[in-house]
Each structure stands twice: as structure tokens, then as C-alpha cells.
Amino acid sequence: MKSTGTPATAFLAKEGVAYTEHFYEYVEHGGTSVSSGALGVPEHEVVKTLVMETDQGDPIVVLMHGDRKVSTKELARAMGVKRVFPCKPEVAQRHSGYLVGGTSPFGTRKPMPIFLEKSVLELPHIYINGGRRGYLLGMAPSEIVRTLSPQLVEVALEE
């Protein structure tokens, strides 16, 4: 398997994760509708990696279906904090080591708690960012649980 050499693919190789590589034309602020359309897969199967912060300034990663939003209110409640909100792009980049639009939950610059929308595990296959804009990795969702030990949450909102 050829490696594109991102921290994410290095992490996955070390963990023995089988994945497929999928390239597409990145569109600024295009989101998962662009990548799912380019790959011809349901947007629900594209998992977005969101870097957020608590009101205490602690960074977290939320993995969510491409066609859903995160209820920050429900997430804060599940975490036992007052508030959770998306990081500014430059702050997210500082925490993860990835450019926004190319953020992967694998191989982040610093370890952060990971929260996974529980229903993602019901999918047979997912597509998740490989650490570069325009680059998704296909894998079994169980690999997220095996390699990242996320906390499962139910905080999805319809887009």
C-alpha cells in the first residue's frame, strides 16, 4: 500500500489498520458534501473530525457523520462541562497539527479526548480524513474504537 506520508497514515501503519486511500479535489468550505459527492458515497458515511474546546480551554476531538451537526449543548452535558464550542481554525491547527479541512483524529500533535457519535459504529464502512485536504481513508469504523478508545456519545443533530 503506498503511503502518502501523513502523521495519520504513520499512526495507522503502526497500529496495523487496513485502509484504502481516496483522493478528491478539495474545495474550501466545501465540507463533506464535496468529498462524498466526489467519491460517490453517502455523506452519512463520511466522518468529519471536529476540534472543539471546553469552557476550560481543553481541546477535544468530535467525530461526527458528515450529514449531521454536533449538539454542543448535549456534548457539554455528556462531558459534565458548562460549554463546548468549535475552535478557531488556527487554534484547531495548533492542537491537532493539521490544517483545517485536512484534520485527522489519527496521529494528532497532542493527545486529546475523542468523542465518537455512537451511530457511526453501525456503518459497515466509513471514510475519514487522512491528514491532508482532499484525502480520505476508508476503513471499518471499529478501527476508531480499537486505536483511539473514544468515548461514545449521542449528540447528532440533523443538518
N, C-alpha and C. Protein backbone atom coordinates (compact mmCIF):
# COMPACT_ATOMS: atom_id res chain seq x y z
N MET A 1 0.86 -1.19 0.00
CA MET A 1 0.00 0.00 0.00
C MET A 1 0.90 1.23 0.00
N LYS A 2 0.70 2.13 -0.93
CA LYS A 2 1.55 3.32 -0.97
C LYS A 2 1.11 4.29 0.13
N SER A 3 2.09 4.89 0.75
CA SER A 3 1.78 5.81 1.84
C SER A 3 1.94 7.24 1.35
N THR A 4 1.02 8.09 1.72
CA THR A 4 1.17 9.50 1.36
C THR A 4 1.93 10.22 2.44
N GLY A 5 2.33 9.47 3.48
CA GLY A 5 3.22 10.04 4.47
C GLY A 5 2.64 11.13 5.35
N THR A 6 1.45 10.95 5.87
CA THR A 6 0.93 11.90 6.84
C THR A 6 1.10 11.29 8.24
N PRO A 7 1.08 12.11 9.28
CA PRO A 7 1.12 11.53 10.63
C PRO A 7 -0.01 10.51 10.85
N ALA A 8 -1.15 10.73 10.20
CA ALA A 8 -2.28 9.81 10.33
C ALA A 8 -1.95 8.44 9.75
N THR A 9 -1.38 8.41 8.54
CA THR A 9 -1.08 7.12 7.91
C THR A 9 0.06 6.42 8.65
N ALA A 10 1.01 7.18 9.20
CA ALA A 10 2.09 6.58 10.00
C ALA A 10 1.50 5.93 11.25
N PHE A 11 0.55 6.61 11.90
CA PHE A 11 -0.12 6.08 13.09
C PHE A 11 -0.87 4.79 12.74
N LEU A 12 -1.62 4.81 11.64
CA LEU A 12 -2.41 3.65 11.24
C LEU A 12 -1.52 2.46 10.86
N ALA A 13 -0.40 2.73 10.21
CA ALA A 13 0.53 1.65 9.85
C ALA A 13 1.09 1.01 11.13
N LYS A 14 1.45 1.84 12.10
CA LYS A 14 1.99 1.35 13.37
C LYS A 14 0.95 0.50 14.11
N GLU A 15 -0.34 0.87 13.98
CA GLU A 15 -1.42 0.15 14.65
C GLU A 15 -1.95 -1.04 13.84
N GLY A 16 -1.41 -1.22 12.63
CA GLY A 16 -1.83 -2.34 11.79
C GLY A 16 -3.24 -2.22 11.24
N VAL A 17 -3.66 -0.99 10.96
CA VAL A 17 -5.01 -0.76 10.44
C VAL A 17 -5.03 -0.89 8.91
N ALA A 18 -5.98 -1.67 8.40
CA ALA A 18 -6.17 -1.79 6.95
C ALA A 18 -7.06 -0.64 6.50
N TYR A 19 -6.61 0.09 5.49
CA TYR A 19 -7.40 1.20 4.98
C TYR A 19 -7.19 1.36 3.48
N THR A 20 -8.13 2.05 2.86
CA THR A 20 -8.00 2.39 1.44
C THR A 20 -7.84 3.89 1.33
N GLU A 21 -7.14 4.34 0.30
CA GLU A 21 -6.91 5.77 0.10
C GLU A 21 -7.84 6.31 -0.98
N HIS A 22 -8.39 7.50 -0.72
CA HIS A 22 -9.33 8.13 -1.66
C HIS A 22 -8.98 9.60 -1.78
N PHE A 23 -8.67 10.01 -3.02
CA PHE A 23 -8.30 11.40 -3.27
C PHE A 23 -9.45 12.12 -3.98
N TYR A 24 -9.63 13.39 -3.68
CA TYR A 24 -10.64 14.19 -4.36
C TYR A 24 -10.16 15.64 -4.40
N GLU A 25 -10.81 16.42 -5.23
CA GLU A 25 -10.45 17.83 -5.37
C GLU A 25 -11.01 18.60 -4.17
N TYR A 26 -10.11 19.10 -3.33
CA TYR A 26 -10.55 19.83 -2.13
C TYR A 26 -11.17 21.16 -2.52
N VAL A 27 -12.29 21.50 -1.88
CA VAL A 27 -12.96 22.79 -2.10
C VAL A 27 -13.04 23.50 -0.75
N GLU A 28 -12.49 24.70 -0.69
CA GLU A 28 -12.53 25.49 0.55
C GLU A 28 -13.97 25.62 1.05
N HIS A 29 -14.21 25.29 2.28
CA HIS A 29 -15.54 25.33 2.91
C HIS A 29 -16.57 24.43 2.22
N GLY A 30 -16.08 23.45 1.44
CA GLY A 30 -17.00 22.54 0.73
C GLY A 30 -17.60 21.48 1.64
N GLY A 31 -16.83 21.12 2.66
CA GLY A 31 -17.33 20.14 3.62
C GLY A 31 -17.48 18.74 3.05
N THR A 32 -18.21 17.92 3.79
CA THR A 32 -18.33 16.51 3.43
C THR A 32 -19.22 16.28 2.22
N SER A 33 -20.05 17.27 1.85
CA SER A 33 -20.88 17.07 0.65
C SER A 33 -19.98 17.00 -0.59
N VAL A 34 -18.89 17.76 -0.59
CA VAL A 34 -17.96 17.73 -1.72
C VAL A 34 -17.23 16.39 -1.79
N SER A 35 -16.68 15.95 -0.66
CA SER A 35 -15.92 14.70 -0.67
C SER A 35 -16.82 13.50 -0.95
N SER A 36 -18.00 13.46 -0.34
CA SER A 36 -18.90 12.32 -0.58
C SER A 36 -19.36 12.30 -2.04
N GLY A 37 -19.64 13.46 -2.60
CA GLY A 37 -20.04 13.55 -4.00
C GLY A 37 -18.94 13.10 -4.93
N ALA A 38 -17.71 13.53 -4.63
CA ALA A 38 -16.56 13.16 -5.48
C ALA A 38 -16.28 11.66 -5.42
N LEU A 39 -16.48 11.07 -4.25
CA LEU A 39 -16.20 9.64 -4.10
C LEU A 39 -17.42 8.76 -4.42
N GLY A 40 -18.60 9.40 -4.56
CA GLY A 40 -19.81 8.65 -4.85
C GLY A 40 -20.27 7.79 -3.70
N VAL A 41 -20.10 8.31 -2.48
CA VAL A 41 -20.54 7.58 -1.28
C VAL A 41 -21.52 8.45 -0.50
N PRO A 42 -22.40 7.84 0.30
CA PRO A 42 -23.34 8.64 1.09
C PRO A 42 -22.60 9.56 2.07
N GLU A 43 -23.06 10.80 2.18
CA GLU A 43 -22.43 11.76 3.08
C GLU A 43 -22.45 11.26 4.53
N HIS A 44 -23.44 10.44 4.86
CA HIS A 44 -23.58 9.88 6.20
C HIS A 44 -22.38 8.99 6.57
N GLU A 45 -21.70 8.43 5.55
CA GLU A 45 -20.56 7.53 5.77
C GLU A 45 -19.23 8.27 5.84
N VAL A 46 -19.25 9.57 5.51
CA VAL A 46 -18.04 10.38 5.64
C VAL A 46 -18.04 10.96 7.05
N VAL A 47 -17.00 10.66 7.81
CA VAL A 47 -16.94 11.10 9.20
C VAL A 47 -16.05 12.33 9.29
N LYS A 48 -16.62 13.42 9.81
CA LYS A 48 -15.81 14.63 9.94
C LYS A 48 -15.14 14.66 11.31
N THR A 49 -13.94 15.23 11.32
CA THR A 49 -13.13 15.37 12.53
C THR A 49 -13.20 16.83 12.96
N LEU A 50 -13.83 17.07 14.10
CA LEU A 50 -14.01 18.44 14.58
C LEU A 50 -13.20 18.66 15.85
N VAL A 51 -12.36 19.71 15.84
CA VAL A 51 -11.61 20.05 17.04
C VAL A 51 -12.40 21.14 17.76
N MET A 52 -12.74 20.85 19.01
CA MET A 52 -13.53 21.78 19.82
C MET A 52 -12.82 22.04 21.14
N GLU A 53 -13.34 22.98 21.89
CA GLU A 53 -12.77 23.29 23.20
C GLU A 53 -13.88 23.38 24.23
N THR A 54 -13.52 23.06 25.47
CA THR A 54 -14.45 23.26 26.57
C THR A 54 -14.29 24.68 27.09
N ASP A 55 -15.20 25.10 27.95
CA ASP A 55 -15.10 26.43 28.54
C ASP A 55 -13.82 26.57 29.39
N GLN A 56 -13.19 25.44 29.73
CA GLN A 56 -11.92 25.46 30.47
C GLN A 56 -10.72 25.59 29.53
N GLY A 57 -10.99 25.61 28.21
CA GLY A 57 -9.91 25.73 27.23
C GLY A 57 -9.27 24.39 26.89
N ASP A 58 -9.89 23.28 27.30
CA ASP A 58 -9.35 21.96 26.99
C ASP A 58 -9.80 21.52 25.60
N PRO A 59 -8.85 21.13 24.73
CA PRO A 59 -9.23 20.69 23.39
C PRO A 59 -9.77 19.26 23.40
N ILE A 60 -10.74 19.00 22.53
CA ILE A 60 -11.30 17.67 22.34
C ILE A 60 -11.51 17.44 20.85
N VAL A 61 -11.65 16.19 20.46
CA VAL A 61 -11.96 15.85 19.08
C VAL A 61 -13.33 15.18 19.06
N VAL A 62 -14.19 15.63 18.13
CA VAL A 62 -15.51 15.02 17.97
C VAL A 62 -15.57 14.44 16.57
N LEU A 63 -15.96 13.17 16.48
CA LEU A 63 -16.12 12.50 15.18
C LEU A 63 -17.61 12.34 14.92
N MET A 64 -18.06 12.92 13.82
CA MET A 64 -19.49 13.03 13.53
C MET A 64 -19.76 12.70 12.07
N HIS A 65 -20.95 12.12 11.80
CA HIS A 65 -21.41 11.88 10.43
C HIS A 65 -21.32 13.20 9.65
N GLY A 66 -20.94 13.08 8.37
CA GLY A 66 -20.83 14.26 7.53
C GLY A 66 -22.12 15.04 7.36
N ASP A 67 -23.26 14.34 7.44
CA ASP A 67 -24.55 14.99 7.22
C ASP A 67 -25.23 15.36 8.53
N ARG A 68 -24.50 15.41 9.62
CA ARG A 68 -25.07 15.80 10.92
C ARG A 68 -24.23 16.90 11.56
N LYS A 69 -24.86 17.62 12.48
CA LYS A 69 -24.16 18.63 13.27
C LYS A 69 -24.02 18.10 14.69
N VAL A 70 -23.13 18.71 15.44
CA VAL A 70 -22.94 18.34 16.84
C VAL A 70 -23.80 19.26 17.71
N SER A 71 -24.59 18.67 18.57
CA SER A 71 -25.30 19.46 19.59
C SER A 71 -24.28 19.75 20.68
N THR A 72 -23.73 20.96 20.68
CA THR A 72 -22.71 21.30 21.67
C THR A 72 -23.31 21.30 23.08
N LYS A 73 -24.61 21.57 23.16
CA LYS A 73 -25.29 21.54 24.46
C LYS A 73 -25.31 20.12 25.02
N GLU A 74 -25.70 19.16 24.17
CA GLU A 74 -25.73 17.75 24.59
C GLU A 74 -24.32 17.23 24.89
N LEU A 75 -23.35 17.65 24.07
CA LEU A 75 -21.98 17.20 24.28
C LEU A 75 -21.44 17.73 25.61
N ALA A 76 -21.69 19.00 25.89
CA ALA A 76 -21.24 19.58 27.16
C ALA A 76 -21.87 18.82 28.33
N ARG A 77 -23.15 18.51 28.20
CA ARG A 77 -23.86 17.77 29.25
C ARG A 77 -23.21 16.39 29.44
N ALA A 78 -22.94 15.70 28.33
CA ALA A 78 -22.33 14.37 28.39
C ALA A 78 -20.94 14.41 29.02
N MET A 79 -20.24 15.52 28.82
CA MET A 79 -18.88 15.66 29.35
C MET A 79 -18.85 16.22 30.77
N GLY A 80 -19.98 16.77 31.20
CA GLY A 80 -20.01 17.38 32.52
C GLY A 80 -19.31 18.73 32.59
N VAL A 81 -19.34 19.48 31.48
CA VAL A 81 -18.77 20.83 31.45
C VAL A 81 -19.87 21.83 31.10
N LYS A 82 -19.58 23.12 31.32
CA LYS A 82 -20.58 24.15 31.04
C LYS A 82 -20.84 24.33 29.56
N ARG A 83 -19.72 24.45 28.78
CA ARG A 83 -19.86 24.76 27.36
C ARG A 83 -18.80 24.04 26.54
N VAL A 84 -19.17 23.73 25.31
CA VAL A 84 -18.24 23.21 24.31
C VAL A 84 -18.49 24.01 23.04
N PHE A 85 -17.41 24.40 22.37
CA PHE A 85 -17.59 25.18 21.14
C PHE A 85 -16.45 24.86 20.17
N PRO A 86 -16.70 25.08 18.86
CA PRO A 86 -15.64 24.82 17.87
C PRO A 86 -14.46 25.76 18.09
N CYS A 87 -13.27 25.23 17.87
CA CYS A 87 -12.06 26.06 17.96
C CYS A 87 -11.97 26.96 16.73
N LYS A 88 -11.28 28.07 16.87
CA LYS A 88 -10.92 28.87 15.70
C LYS A 88 -9.93 28.02 14.89
N PRO A 89 -9.93 28.17 13.55
CA PRO A 89 -9.07 27.32 12.72
C PRO A 89 -7.60 27.28 13.17
N GLU A 90 -7.04 28.44 13.52
CA GLU A 90 -5.62 28.44 13.91
C GLU A 90 -5.39 27.72 15.24
N VAL A 91 -6.38 27.77 16.13
CA VAL A 91 -6.28 27.06 17.42
C VAL A 91 -6.40 25.55 17.18
N ALA A 92 -7.36 25.16 16.33
CA ALA A 92 -7.54 23.75 15.98
C ALA A 92 -6.26 23.20 15.37
N GLN A 93 -5.63 23.98 14.51
CA GLN A 93 -4.40 23.54 13.85
C GLN A 93 -3.27 23.38 14.87
N ARG A 94 -3.20 24.29 15.83
CA ARG A 94 -2.17 24.21 16.86
C ARG A 94 -2.34 22.93 17.70
N HIS A 95 -3.59 22.60 18.04
CA HIS A 95 -3.86 21.40 18.84
C HIS A 95 -3.59 20.12 18.05
N SER A 96 -4.09 20.06 16.80
CA SER A 96 -4.06 18.81 16.04
C SER A 96 -2.79 18.62 15.21
N GLY A 97 -2.19 19.74 14.80
CA GLY A 97 -1.05 19.65 13.88
C GLY A 97 -1.48 19.55 12.43
N TYR A 98 -2.79 19.61 12.18
CA TYR A 98 -3.33 19.51 10.81
C TYR A 98 -3.99 20.81 10.40
N LEU A 99 -3.95 21.08 9.08
CA LEU A 99 -4.71 22.20 8.53
C LEU A 99 -6.20 21.88 8.61
N VAL A 100 -7.01 22.87 8.95
CA VAL A 100 -8.46 22.66 8.95
C VAL A 100 -8.87 22.27 7.53
N GLY A 101 -9.73 21.26 7.43
CA GLY A 101 -10.08 20.70 6.12
C GLY A 101 -9.27 19.45 5.85
N GLY A 102 -8.21 19.25 6.64
CA GLY A 102 -7.37 18.06 6.50
C GLY A 102 -7.12 17.40 7.83
N THR A 103 -7.97 17.71 8.82
CA THR A 103 -7.77 17.20 10.18
C THR A 103 -8.17 15.74 10.30
N SER A 104 -7.25 14.95 10.80
CA SER A 104 -7.50 13.53 11.07
C SER A 104 -7.46 13.32 12.57
N PRO A 105 -8.26 12.38 13.08
CA PRO A 105 -8.18 12.07 14.51
C PRO A 105 -6.95 11.21 14.83
N PHE A 106 -6.31 10.68 13.79
CA PHE A 106 -5.16 9.79 13.97
C PHE A 106 -3.86 10.60 13.89
N GLY A 107 -2.95 10.35 14.78
CA GLY A 107 -1.64 11.00 14.71
C GLY A 107 -1.67 12.49 14.99
N THR A 108 -2.52 12.93 15.89
CA THR A 108 -2.58 14.36 16.22
C THR A 108 -1.32 14.79 16.97
N ARG A 109 -1.01 16.07 16.88
CA ARG A 109 0.18 16.62 17.52
C ARG A 109 0.19 16.34 19.01
N LYS A 110 -0.97 16.57 19.66
CA LYS A 110 -1.07 16.23 21.09
C LYS A 110 -2.27 15.34 21.30
N PRO A 111 -2.17 14.42 22.25
CA PRO A 111 -3.32 13.54 22.51
C PRO A 111 -4.48 14.36 23.07
N MET A 112 -5.66 14.10 22.56
CA MET A 112 -6.87 14.81 23.02
C MET A 112 -7.96 13.77 23.25
N PRO A 113 -8.87 14.03 24.19
CA PRO A 113 -10.01 13.12 24.35
C PRO A 113 -10.83 13.10 23.06
N ILE A 114 -11.28 11.91 22.68
CA ILE A 114 -12.04 11.76 21.44
C ILE A 114 -13.45 11.29 21.76
N PHE A 115 -14.42 11.96 21.14
CA PHE A 115 -15.83 11.64 21.32
C PHE A 115 -16.37 11.22 19.96
N LEU A 116 -16.94 10.02 19.91
CA LEU A 116 -17.44 9.45 18.67
C LEU A 116 -18.95 9.32 18.73
N GLU A 117 -19.62 9.85 17.73
CA GLU A 117 -21.07 9.67 17.62
C GLU A 117 -21.32 8.17 17.50
N LYS A 118 -22.07 7.62 18.44
CA LYS A 118 -22.28 6.18 18.58
C LYS A 118 -22.79 5.51 17.30
N SER A 119 -23.70 6.17 16.59
CA SER A 119 -24.30 5.55 15.40
C SER A 119 -23.30 5.34 14.26
N VAL A 120 -22.12 5.98 14.32
CA VAL A 120 -21.08 5.74 13.31
C VAL A 120 -20.69 4.26 13.31
N LEU A 121 -20.74 3.65 14.48
CA LEU A 121 -20.34 2.24 14.60
C LEU A 121 -21.33 1.28 13.93
N GLU A 122 -22.51 1.77 13.57
CA GLU A 122 -23.50 0.94 12.87
C GLU A 122 -23.20 0.84 11.38
N LEU A 123 -22.32 1.69 10.87
CA LEU A 123 -21.99 1.69 9.44
C LEU A 123 -21.02 0.55 9.12
N PRO A 124 -21.17 -0.06 7.94
CA PRO A 124 -20.24 -1.13 7.57
C PRO A 124 -18.85 -0.59 7.23
N HIS A 125 -18.79 0.64 6.75
CA HIS A 125 -17.53 1.22 6.25
C HIS A 125 -17.62 2.74 6.40
N ILE A 126 -16.51 3.38 6.74
CA ILE A 126 -16.51 4.85 6.83
C ILE A 126 -15.35 5.43 6.03
N TYR A 127 -15.45 6.71 5.78
CA TYR A 127 -14.40 7.48 5.12
C TYR A 127 -14.06 8.62 6.07
N ILE A 128 -12.77 8.74 6.41
CA ILE A 128 -12.35 9.71 7.41
C ILE A 128 -11.07 10.38 6.94
N ASN A 129 -10.83 11.61 7.34
CA ASN A 129 -9.70 12.36 6.81
C ASN A 129 -8.37 11.68 7.12
N GLY A 130 -7.51 11.69 6.14
CA GLY A 130 -6.20 11.05 6.26
C GLY A 130 -5.07 12.00 6.61
N GLY A 131 -5.41 13.23 6.98
CA GLY A 131 -4.37 14.17 7.42
C GLY A 131 -3.93 15.17 6.37
N ARG A 132 -4.71 15.28 5.31
CA ARG A 132 -4.40 16.24 4.25
C ARG A 132 -5.71 16.61 3.55
N ARG A 133 -5.79 17.83 3.08
CA ARG A 133 -7.00 18.24 2.35
C ARG A 133 -7.12 17.43 1.07
N GLY A 134 -8.34 16.96 0.80
CA GLY A 134 -8.58 16.18 -0.43
C GLY A 134 -8.12 14.74 -0.33
N TYR A 135 -8.05 14.22 0.90
CA TYR A 135 -7.52 12.86 1.10
C TYR A 135 -8.29 12.18 2.22
N LEU A 136 -9.11 11.18 1.85
CA LEU A 136 -9.86 10.42 2.84
C LEU A 136 -9.36 8.98 2.87
N LEU A 137 -9.54 8.36 4.03
CA LEU A 137 -9.19 6.96 4.21
C LEU A 137 -10.47 6.17 4.46
N GLY A 138 -10.60 5.04 3.79
CA GLY A 138 -11.75 4.16 4.01
C GLY A 138 -11.34 3.05 4.97
N MET A 139 -12.21 2.74 5.94
CA MET A 139 -11.89 1.69 6.91
C MET A 139 -13.15 1.25 7.64
N ALA A 140 -13.00 0.21 8.42
CA ALA A 140 -14.09 -0.24 9.29
C ALA A 140 -14.16 0.72 10.48
N PRO A 141 -15.37 1.14 10.87
CA PRO A 141 -15.48 2.07 12.00
C PRO A 141 -14.93 1.49 13.30
N SER A 142 -14.91 0.17 13.41
CA SER A 142 -14.38 -0.45 14.64
C SER A 142 -12.91 -0.11 14.87
N GLU A 143 -12.19 0.26 13.79
CA GLU A 143 -10.78 0.63 13.94
C GLU A 143 -10.62 1.91 14.77
N ILE A 144 -11.61 2.80 14.71
CA ILE A 144 -11.55 4.02 15.54
C ILE A 144 -11.57 3.62 17.01
N VAL A 145 -12.47 2.71 17.33
CA VAL A 145 -12.60 2.25 18.72
C VAL A 145 -11.32 1.55 19.16
N ARG A 146 -10.80 0.68 18.29
CA ARG A 146 -9.61 -0.10 18.64
C ARG A 146 -8.38 0.79 18.85
N THR A 147 -8.20 1.79 17.99
CA THR A 147 -6.96 2.56 18.04
C THR A 147 -7.04 3.84 18.86
N LEU A 148 -8.23 4.40 19.02
CA LEU A 148 -8.35 5.70 19.70
C LEU A 148 -9.12 5.65 21.02
N SER A 149 -9.79 4.53 21.30
CA SER A 149 -10.60 4.39 22.53
C SER A 149 -11.47 5.61 22.81
N PRO A 150 -12.33 5.98 21.84
CA PRO A 150 -13.16 7.18 22.04
C PRO A 150 -14.28 6.95 23.06
N GLN A 151 -14.76 8.05 23.57
CA GLN A 151 -15.97 7.99 24.40
C GLN A 151 -17.15 8.07 23.44
N LEU A 152 -18.10 7.15 23.56
CA LEU A 152 -19.27 7.16 22.67
C LEU A 152 -20.32 8.13 23.20
N VAL A 153 -20.83 8.95 22.28
CA VAL A 153 -21.86 9.93 22.65
C VAL A 153 -22.99 9.88 21.64
N GLU A 154 -24.13 10.44 22.03
CA GLU A 154 -25.26 10.58 21.10
C GLU A 154 -25.63 12.05 21.09
N VAL A 155 -24.96 12.79 20.21
CA VAL A 155 -25.12 14.26 20.19
C VAL A 155 -25.36 14.79 18.77
N ALA A 156 -25.83 13.91 17.87
CA ALA A 156 -26.05 14.31 16.48
C ALA A 156 -27.34 15.09 16.31
N LEU A 157 -27.27 16.12 15.47
CA LEU A 157 -28.45 16.89 15.07
C LEU A 157 -28.54 16.81 13.55
N GLU A 158 -29.76 16.76 13.02
CA GLU A 158 -29.95 16.80 11.57
C GLU A 158 -29.40 18.14 11.07
N GLU A 159 -28.73 18.11 9.91
CA GLU A 159 -28.21 19.36 9.29
C GLU A 159 -29.37 20.23 8.85
